[in-house]
Amino acid sequence: MRLLAAVWALLAAAVGPVAAQSVGWTKAANTMSDPRWAAASVLLADGRGLIVGGYSYPADRCVASADEFNPETRRFIPCRGHLVVPRNFASASLLPDGKVLIAGGYNTVLGSLDTAEVFDPATQTFTLLPGRLQTPRELFTATTLADGRVLIAGGFNTHRGRTQALAEVYDPQTQMLTPTGSLTQDRFGQAAVRLADGRVLIAGGTHWFARHPGVPLASAEVYDSATGKFHPTRSLMEVARDRPTASLLPDGTVLIAGGQNGASEPAEAERFDPKTETFTLLPSPLTTPRMAHSAEGLPDGSVLLSGGWSTALGATTGSAEVYNPVAQTFTALPVCPLNTHDQTLLVFPSGLALVAGGKQASAGAETSLATGYTTQFVRQ
């Protein structure tokens, strides 16, 4: 697996990113422990994937179970331990020692959460942190900084009925959560990515408070861990976007794609240049407009986008596509049978991609799924 990943990296460095080609979707050998909508997920240091929590429509509650996914056997393995607090719309961040920080989220009884816990892959157990987040939050962003700390920003607080601008940093050495500078705009459902220079881009989302309509945002801002402060980017995004994705590209720019602007999803995607802090529309649109989708970089530098909600369809979509950063084009892939939004998407170093769980919705009917599908990417 590591050798193949190294070969991909060397090829990309020599000839530049080349669009990857999916060989089609294959159903995973088994299912997860529970159906999961808006679960937290992350690649573990040993190459497996972790999928934890989420909301189960059949159970009518958030679940505490977790599964690991083995990319070699393509099977889900139930974790021995369970979350101390069941949650969905939480974050999962890999820490320098191989453990995982699970923070915030929503609980069907408690509402937005201010608790966090740490998962230890060696024992497959979860331990609640003694300290709490400075505010309950869900649909926030958690971004690992260059020094291994985790920046937690924004989100929605059901107890106050509004979005927030508060941010904090988790230090895995001290296990402490410390307030840092606040966002320049309160928001939830935003996208975030660590830039090549170590700063963090926060883009889009929605400003919302009780009894007022939500406002999709075109604003974006950058966090500098050296100063602990956010500042607005020099330009707005070309399109306001709620629930977009942000993906770092090999040249250091960022792909901003999808999301919702009012009653529809924009087909236009754009690119953020960290040097000028400006956004530029891409020449080619998405093959399928989508929001609440998933996006992950592939080993060759291209980006896989999968699933999401489509207003045009009035349903969730199983469509998938790949963005080629050299040609600046999107290419449709075979449709995945898993047509959900807020699904898990994990891309392993071998080029294997897993989509799992999420909410399936159509004609007013909603459910969450426990199934997963994989596809292997190869260079064209």
Protein backbone atom coordinates (compact mmCIF):
# COMPACT_ATOMS: atom_id res chain seq x y z
CA MET A 1 0.00 0.00 0.00
CA ARG A 2 2.75 2.43 0.98
CA LEU A 3 4.83 1.52 -2.09
CA LEU A 4 1.89 2.18 -4.41
CA ALA A 5 1.21 5.52 -2.71
CA ALA A 6 4.88 6.46 -3.16
CA VAL A 7 4.72 5.58 -6.86
CA TRP A 8 1.62 7.79 -7.30
CA ALA A 9 3.40 10.66 -5.57
CA LEU A 10 6.52 10.34 -7.74
CA LEU A 11 4.45 10.24 -10.93
CA ALA A 12 2.45 13.28 -9.89
CA ALA A 13 5.64 15.19 -9.11
CA ALA A 14 7.18 14.24 -12.46
CA VAL A 15 4.29 14.85 -14.84
CA GLY A 16 1.78 16.78 -12.74
CA PRO A 17 -1.64 15.58 -11.58
CA VAL A 18 -3.53 13.44 -14.06
CA ALA A 19 -7.22 12.67 -13.68
CA ALA A 20 -7.83 9.31 -12.06
CA GLN A 21 -10.33 6.82 -13.46
CA SER A 22 -12.73 4.86 -11.28
CA VAL A 23 -13.21 1.20 -12.12
CA GLY A 24 -16.80 1.21 -10.84
CA TRP A 25 -18.43 0.73 -7.45
CA THR A 26 -18.44 -2.50 -5.44
CA LYS A 27 -20.56 -3.09 -2.36
CA ALA A 28 -18.54 -3.62 0.81
CA ALA A 29 -18.46 -7.18 2.13
CA ASN A 30 -20.55 -6.27 5.18
CA THR A 31 -22.34 -3.31 6.74
CA MET A 32 -21.54 -0.96 9.61
CA SER A 33 -22.77 -1.62 13.14
CA ASP A 34 -25.52 1.00 12.73
CA PRO A 35 -27.03 3.13 9.99
CA ARG A 36 -25.19 6.48 10.25
CA TRP A 37 -26.10 9.95 9.00
CA ALA A 38 -23.51 12.71 9.53
CA ALA A 39 -21.01 10.44 11.24
CA ALA A 40 -17.47 11.62 11.99
CA SER A 41 -14.64 9.88 10.12
CA VAL A 42 -10.88 9.97 9.68
CA LEU A 43 -8.00 7.87 8.32
CA LEU A 44 -6.04 6.26 11.14
CA ALA A 45 -2.25 6.15 11.27
CA ASP A 46 -2.21 2.39 10.54
CA GLY A 47 -4.11 2.83 7.27
CA ARG A 48 -7.57 1.86 8.45
CA GLY A 49 -10.56 4.20 8.47
CA LEU A 50 -12.61 5.18 11.53
CA ILE A 51 -16.34 5.97 11.27
CA VAL A 52 -18.00 7.00 14.51
CA GLY A 53 -21.41 8.12 15.76
CA GLY A 54 -24.06 9.58 13.49
CA TYR A 55 -27.85 9.60 13.54
CA SER A 56 -29.86 6.43 12.93
CA TYR A 57 -33.35 6.91 11.51
CA PRO A 58 -34.35 3.29 12.30
CA ALA A 59 -33.33 3.83 15.95
CA ASP A 60 -34.62 7.44 16.01
CA ARG A 61 -31.53 8.66 17.86
CA CYS A 62 -27.83 9.37 17.64
CA VAL A 63 -25.73 6.24 18.06
CA ALA A 64 -22.57 5.66 20.13
CA SER A 65 -21.14 2.81 18.07
CA ALA A 66 -18.07 3.04 15.86
CA ASP A 67 -16.58 0.97 13.05
CA GLU A 68 -13.14 0.66 11.54
CA PHE A 69 -12.82 -0.14 7.83
CA ASN A 70 -10.00 -2.35 6.59
CA PRO A 71 -9.09 -1.34 3.01
CA GLU A 72 -7.35 -4.68 2.36
CA THR A 73 -10.30 -6.91 3.26
CA ARG A 74 -12.84 -4.17 2.46
CA ARG A 75 -14.80 -5.02 5.57
CA PHE A 76 -16.17 -3.00 8.49
CA ILE A 77 -14.95 -4.06 11.93
CA PRO A 78 -17.06 -2.97 14.95
CA CYS A 79 -15.02 -1.17 17.61
CA ARG A 80 -15.08 -2.68 21.08
CA GLY A 81 -15.66 0.68 22.74
CA HIS A 82 -18.47 3.19 22.25
CA LEU A 83 -18.72 6.96 22.43
CA VAL A 84 -19.36 8.26 25.91
CA VAL A 85 -21.88 10.69 24.38
CA PRO A 86 -23.73 9.64 21.18
CA ARG A 87 -23.42 12.42 18.56
CA ASN A 88 -23.71 13.35 14.91
CA PHE A 89 -22.29 16.38 13.06
CA ALA A 90 -19.19 16.01 15.25
CA SER A 91 -15.58 16.25 14.05
CA ALA A 92 -12.84 13.61 14.01
CA SER A 93 -9.20 14.77 13.95
CA LEU A 94 -6.11 12.55 13.89
CA LEU A 95 -3.62 13.56 16.58
CA PRO A 96 0.19 13.22 16.40
CA ASP A 97 0.21 10.16 18.69
CA GLY A 98 -2.28 8.30 16.48
CA LYS A 99 -5.28 8.92 18.72
CA VAL A 100 -8.38 10.76 17.46
CA LEU A 101 -10.14 13.80 18.88
CA ILE A 102 -13.96 13.56 18.58
CA ALA A 103 -15.45 16.97 19.36
CA GLY A 104 -18.84 18.66 19.59
CA GLY A 105 -21.80 17.65 17.48
CA TYR A 106 -25.47 17.14 18.20
CA ASN A 107 -27.30 14.77 20.53
CA THR A 108 -31.02 14.07 20.18
CA VAL A 109 -31.57 14.61 23.92
CA LEU A 110 -28.89 17.16 24.83
CA GLY A 111 -28.88 19.32 21.68
CA SER A 112 -25.61 20.90 20.57
CA LEU A 113 -22.68 19.49 22.56
CA ASP A 114 -19.72 21.09 24.32
CA THR A 115 -18.05 17.77 25.15
CA ALA A 116 -15.13 16.06 23.43
CA GLU A 117 -13.57 12.64 23.73
CA VAL A 118 -10.44 10.87 22.52
CA PHE A 119 -10.40 7.51 20.70
CA ASP A 120 -7.41 5.23 21.24
CA PRO A 121 -7.02 2.79 18.30
CA ALA A 122 -4.78 0.53 20.39
CA THR A 123 -7.56 -0.21 22.87
CA GLN A 124 -10.52 0.85 20.69
CA THR A 125 -11.90 2.88 23.58
CA PHE A 126 -13.22 6.41 23.99
CA THR A 127 -12.32 8.68 26.92
CA LEU A 128 -14.19 11.88 27.72
CA LEU A 129 -11.96 14.95 28.04
CA PRO A 130 -12.09 16.60 31.47
CA GLY A 131 -12.47 20.05 29.91
CA ARG A 132 -15.28 21.28 27.69
CA LEU A 133 -15.52 23.32 24.51
CA GLN A 134 -16.07 26.98 25.28
CA THR A 135 -19.50 26.68 23.67
CA PRO A 136 -21.77 23.88 22.39
CA ARG A 137 -21.38 23.56 18.62
CA GLU A 138 -22.39 21.43 15.63
CA LEU A 139 -21.72 21.82 11.90
CA PHE A 140 -18.48 23.58 12.78
CA THR A 141 -15.00 22.94 11.37
CA ALA A 142 -12.04 21.24 13.02
CA THR A 143 -8.70 21.65 11.23
CA THR A 144 -5.40 20.09 12.27
CA LEU A 145 -2.64 22.70 12.41
CA ALA A 146 0.97 22.10 11.36
CA ASP A 147 2.06 21.61 14.98
CA GLY A 148 -0.58 18.93 15.66
CA ARG A 149 -3.03 21.13 17.52
CA VAL A 150 -6.63 21.33 16.28
CA LEU A 151 -8.46 24.56 15.40
CA ILE A 152 -12.20 24.38 16.18
CA ALA A 153 -14.28 27.24 14.76
CA GLY A 154 -17.84 28.44 14.29
CA GLY A 155 -20.85 26.17 14.24
CA PHE A 156 -24.46 26.26 15.38
CA ASN A 157 -25.63 26.30 19.01
CA THR A 158 -29.18 24.99 19.51
CA HIS A 159 -29.24 26.34 23.07
CA ARG A 160 -28.81 29.91 21.81
CA GLY A 161 -30.58 29.31 18.51
CA ARG A 162 -27.89 30.89 16.36
CA THR A 163 -24.54 30.59 14.66
CA GLN A 164 -21.39 31.71 16.43
CA ALA A 165 -17.94 33.16 15.75
CA LEU A 166 -16.10 31.64 18.72
CA ALA A 167 -12.98 29.57 18.01
CA GLU A 168 -10.61 27.54 20.15
CA VAL A 169 -7.55 25.33 19.86
CA TYR A 170 -7.09 21.83 21.29
CA ASP A 171 -3.54 20.96 22.40
CA PRO A 172 -3.04 17.16 22.51
CA GLN A 173 0.01 17.50 24.76
CA THR A 174 -1.92 19.21 27.55
CA GLN A 175 -5.39 17.93 26.55
CA MET A 176 -6.57 21.50 27.03
CA LEU A 177 -8.99 23.56 24.94
CA THR A 178 -7.92 27.21 24.79
CA PRO A 179 -9.88 30.11 23.25
CA THR A 180 -8.26 31.82 20.28
CA GLY A 181 -9.33 34.77 18.12
CA SER A 182 -12.93 34.77 16.90
CA LEU A 183 -14.13 34.46 13.32
CA THR A 184 -14.87 37.78 11.63
CA GLN A 185 -18.30 36.34 10.68
CA ASP A 186 -20.38 33.89 12.71
CA ARG A 187 -21.21 30.88 10.53
CA PHE A 188 -22.04 27.18 10.40
CA GLY A 189 -21.87 24.67 7.57
CA GLN A 190 -18.67 26.27 6.32
CA ALA A 191 -15.69 24.53 4.69
CA ALA A 192 -12.14 24.65 6.05
CA VAL A 193 -8.73 23.50 4.89
CA ARG A 194 -5.16 23.97 6.06
CA LEU A 195 -3.11 25.79 3.45
CA ALA A 196 0.40 24.81 2.38
CA ASP A 197 1.86 27.67 4.43
CA GLY A 198 0.13 26.46 7.61
CA ARG A 199 -2.67 29.02 7.70
CA VAL A 200 -6.32 27.87 7.61
CA LEU A 201 -8.96 28.93 5.09
CA ILE A 202 -12.59 29.12 6.32
CA ALA A 203 -15.09 29.61 3.49
CA GLY A 204 -18.84 30.04 3.12
CA GLY A 205 -21.48 28.55 5.39
CA THR A 206 -24.60 30.25 6.70
CA HIS A 207 -25.31 33.05 9.16
CA TRP A 208 -28.50 32.12 11.03
CA PHE A 209 -30.38 32.98 14.17
CA ALA A 210 -33.83 32.12 15.51
CA ARG A 211 -36.89 33.48 13.67
CA HIS A 212 -34.74 34.95 10.90
CA PRO A 213 -33.98 33.33 7.55
CA GLY A 214 -30.50 31.89 7.10
CA VAL A 215 -28.15 33.81 4.83
CA PRO A 216 -25.69 31.80 2.69
CA LEU A 217 -22.29 33.48 2.86
CA ALA A 218 -19.84 34.46 0.13
CA SER A 219 -17.35 35.62 2.73
CA ALA A 220 -14.17 33.75 3.65
CA GLU A 221 -11.39 34.28 6.14
CA VAL A 222 -7.92 33.07 7.01
CA TYR A 223 -6.59 32.00 10.42
CA ASP A 224 -2.93 32.55 11.29
CA SER A 225 -1.83 30.27 14.14
CA ALA A 226 1.18 32.52 14.78
CA THR A 227 -1.07 35.43 15.78
CA GLY A 228 -4.17 33.45 16.79
CA LYS A 229 -6.32 35.76 14.67
CA PHE A 230 -8.67 35.56 11.68
CA HIS A 231 -8.83 38.15 8.90
CA PRO A 232 -11.18 38.40 5.89
CA THR A 233 -9.81 37.33 2.52
CA ARG A 234 -9.11 40.15 0.07
CA SER A 235 -12.08 39.15 -2.07
CA LEU A 236 -15.38 37.40 -1.49
CA MET A 237 -16.15 34.09 -3.13
CA GLU A 238 -17.76 34.46 -6.54
CA VAL A 239 -20.82 32.57 -5.24
CA ALA A 240 -22.35 32.41 -1.76
CA ARG A 241 -22.28 28.80 -0.56
CA ASP A 242 -23.77 26.88 2.38
CA ARG A 243 -22.25 23.40 2.95
CA PRO A 244 -19.52 23.57 0.27
CA THR A 245 -16.25 21.63 0.30
CA ALA A 246 -12.69 22.97 0.23
CA SER A 247 -9.85 20.81 -1.12
CA LEU A 248 -6.16 21.66 -1.19
CA LEU A 249 -4.63 21.16 -4.64
CA PRO A 250 -1.00 20.25 -5.48
CA ASP A 251 -0.09 23.81 -6.47
CA GLY A 252 -1.27 25.19 -3.12
CA THR A 253 -4.54 26.65 -4.38
CA VAL A 254 -7.91 25.44 -3.05
CA LEU A 255 -10.91 24.01 -4.90
CA ILE A 256 -14.22 25.35 -3.54
CA ALA A 257 -17.12 23.32 -4.89
CA GLY A 258 -20.81 22.73 -4.35
CA GLY A 259 -22.97 24.07 -1.58
CA GLN A 260 -26.33 25.78 -1.70
CA ASN A 261 -27.13 29.36 -2.58
CA GLY A 262 -30.73 30.09 -1.69
CA ALA A 263 -33.02 27.54 -3.32
CA SER A 264 -30.49 25.81 -5.55
CA GLU A 265 -26.97 24.48 -5.76
CA PRO A 266 -24.53 26.45 -7.94
CA ALA A 267 -22.87 24.48 -10.73
CA GLU A 268 -19.96 26.92 -10.73
CA ALA A 269 -16.84 25.98 -8.78
CA GLU A 270 -13.99 28.30 -7.91
CA ARG A 271 -10.35 28.35 -6.92
CA PHE A 272 -8.77 30.22 -4.02
CA ASP A 273 -5.24 31.58 -4.41
CA PRO A 274 -3.59 31.92 -0.98
CA LYS A 275 -0.95 34.32 -2.34
CA THR A 276 -3.49 36.92 -3.42
CA GLU A 277 -6.32 35.75 -1.14
CA THR A 278 -8.75 35.97 -4.05
CA PHE A 279 -11.28 33.61 -5.66
CA THR A 280 -11.64 32.87 -9.38
CA LEU A 281 -14.45 30.97 -11.11
CA LEU A 282 -13.32 27.82 -12.91
CA PRO A 283 -13.97 27.52 -16.66
CA SER A 284 -15.89 24.24 -16.30
CA PRO A 285 -18.92 23.59 -14.05
CA LEU A 286 -19.67 20.57 -11.89
CA THR A 287 -21.31 17.71 -13.77
CA THR A 288 -23.91 17.58 -10.95
CA PRO A 289 -24.68 20.54 -8.67
CA ARG A 290 -24.65 19.29 -5.06
CA MET A 291 -24.57 20.33 -1.41
CA ALA A 292 -23.78 18.47 1.84
CA HIS A 293 -21.62 16.23 -0.33
CA SER A 294 -18.17 14.81 0.33
CA ALA A 295 -14.84 15.65 -1.31
CA GLU A 296 -11.40 14.12 -0.82
CA GLY A 297 -8.10 14.39 -2.64
CA LEU A 298 -6.87 11.38 -4.62
CA PRO A 299 -3.23 10.22 -4.58
CA ASP A 300 -2.53 11.80 -7.99
CA GLY A 301 -3.67 15.28 -6.88
CA SER A 302 -7.15 15.23 -8.39
CA VAL A 303 -10.28 15.53 -6.20
CA LEU A 304 -13.20 13.11 -5.85
CA LEU A 305 -16.64 14.61 -5.14
CA SER A 306 -19.46 12.24 -4.20
CA GLY A 307 -23.10 12.22 -3.15
CA GLY A 308 -25.01 15.14 -1.69
CA TRP A 309 -28.41 16.74 -2.07
CA SER A 310 -29.70 17.96 -5.44
CA THR A 311 -32.57 20.45 -5.51
CA ALA A 312 -33.03 19.77 -9.22
CA LEU A 313 -33.67 16.10 -8.46
CA GLY A 314 -35.54 16.80 -5.24
CA ALA A 315 -33.54 13.94 -3.76
CA THR A 316 -30.12 12.80 -2.71
CA THR A 317 -27.76 11.81 -5.51
CA GLY A 318 -25.36 8.94 -6.07
CA SER A 319 -23.46 10.83 -8.73
CA ALA A 320 -19.71 11.23 -8.40
CA GLU A 321 -17.10 13.17 -10.33
CA VAL A 322 -13.39 13.91 -10.38
CA TYR A 323 -11.79 17.34 -10.70
CA ASN A 324 -8.56 17.45 -12.74
CA PRO A 325 -6.54 20.47 -11.52
CA VAL A 326 -4.36 20.54 -14.66
CA ALA A 327 -7.20 20.56 -17.19
CA GLN A 328 -9.49 22.37 -14.69
CA THR A 329 -12.36 20.09 -15.67
CA PHE A 330 -14.87 17.85 -13.89
CA THR A 331 -15.47 14.34 -15.25
CA ALA A 332 -18.49 12.25 -14.26
CA LEU A 333 -17.86 8.80 -12.82
CA PRO A 334 -20.16 5.78 -12.69
CA VAL A 335 -23.10 6.50 -10.40
CA CYS A 336 -22.70 5.06 -6.92
CA PRO A 337 -25.67 3.02 -5.63
CA LEU A 338 -25.28 4.85 -2.31
CA ASN A 339 -27.26 8.04 -2.99
CA THR A 340 -26.96 9.94 0.30
CA HIS A 341 -25.88 13.27 1.72
CA ASP A 342 -23.60 13.80 4.72
CA GLN A 343 -22.06 10.45 3.90
CA THR A 344 -18.58 9.28 4.88
CA LEU A 345 -15.92 9.48 2.17
CA LEU A 346 -12.47 8.07 2.87
CA VAL A 347 -9.65 7.82 0.32
CA PHE A 348 -6.83 5.44 1.21
CA PRO A 349 -3.21 5.77 0.02
CA SER A 350 -3.72 2.92 -2.45
CA GLY A 351 -6.32 4.94 -4.36
CA LEU A 352 -9.23 2.97 -2.90
CA ALA A 353 -12.21 5.19 -2.06
CA LEU A 354 -14.98 4.26 0.39
CA VAL A 355 -18.39 5.93 0.63
CA ALA A 356 -20.54 4.78 3.54
CA GLY A 357 -23.73 5.70 5.34
CA GLY A 358 -25.43 9.08 5.12
CA LYS A 359 -29.04 10.17 4.78
CA GLN A 360 -31.09 9.02 1.80
CA ALA A 361 -34.00 11.30 0.96
CA SER A 362 -36.59 11.36 -1.83
CA ALA A 363 -40.25 12.39 -2.09
CA GLY A 364 -40.36 13.30 1.60
CA ALA A 365 -39.06 9.92 2.80
CA GLU A 366 -35.82 9.89 4.78
CA THR A 367 -33.62 7.15 6.19
CA SER A 368 -30.01 6.55 7.14
CA LEU A 369 -27.93 3.70 5.72
CA ALA A 370 -25.32 1.27 7.05
CA THR A 371 -24.02 0.17 3.66
CA GLY A 372 -20.75 1.11 2.01
CA TYR A 373 -19.30 1.00 -1.51
CA THR A 374 -15.72 1.13 -2.74
CA THR A 375 -14.07 2.05 -5.99
CA GLN A 376 -10.43 1.70 -6.96
CA PHE A 377 -8.85 4.60 -8.82
CA VAL A 378 -6.19 4.02 -11.44
CA ARG A 379 -4.30 6.53 -13.57
CA GLN A 380 -5.58 6.99 -17.09
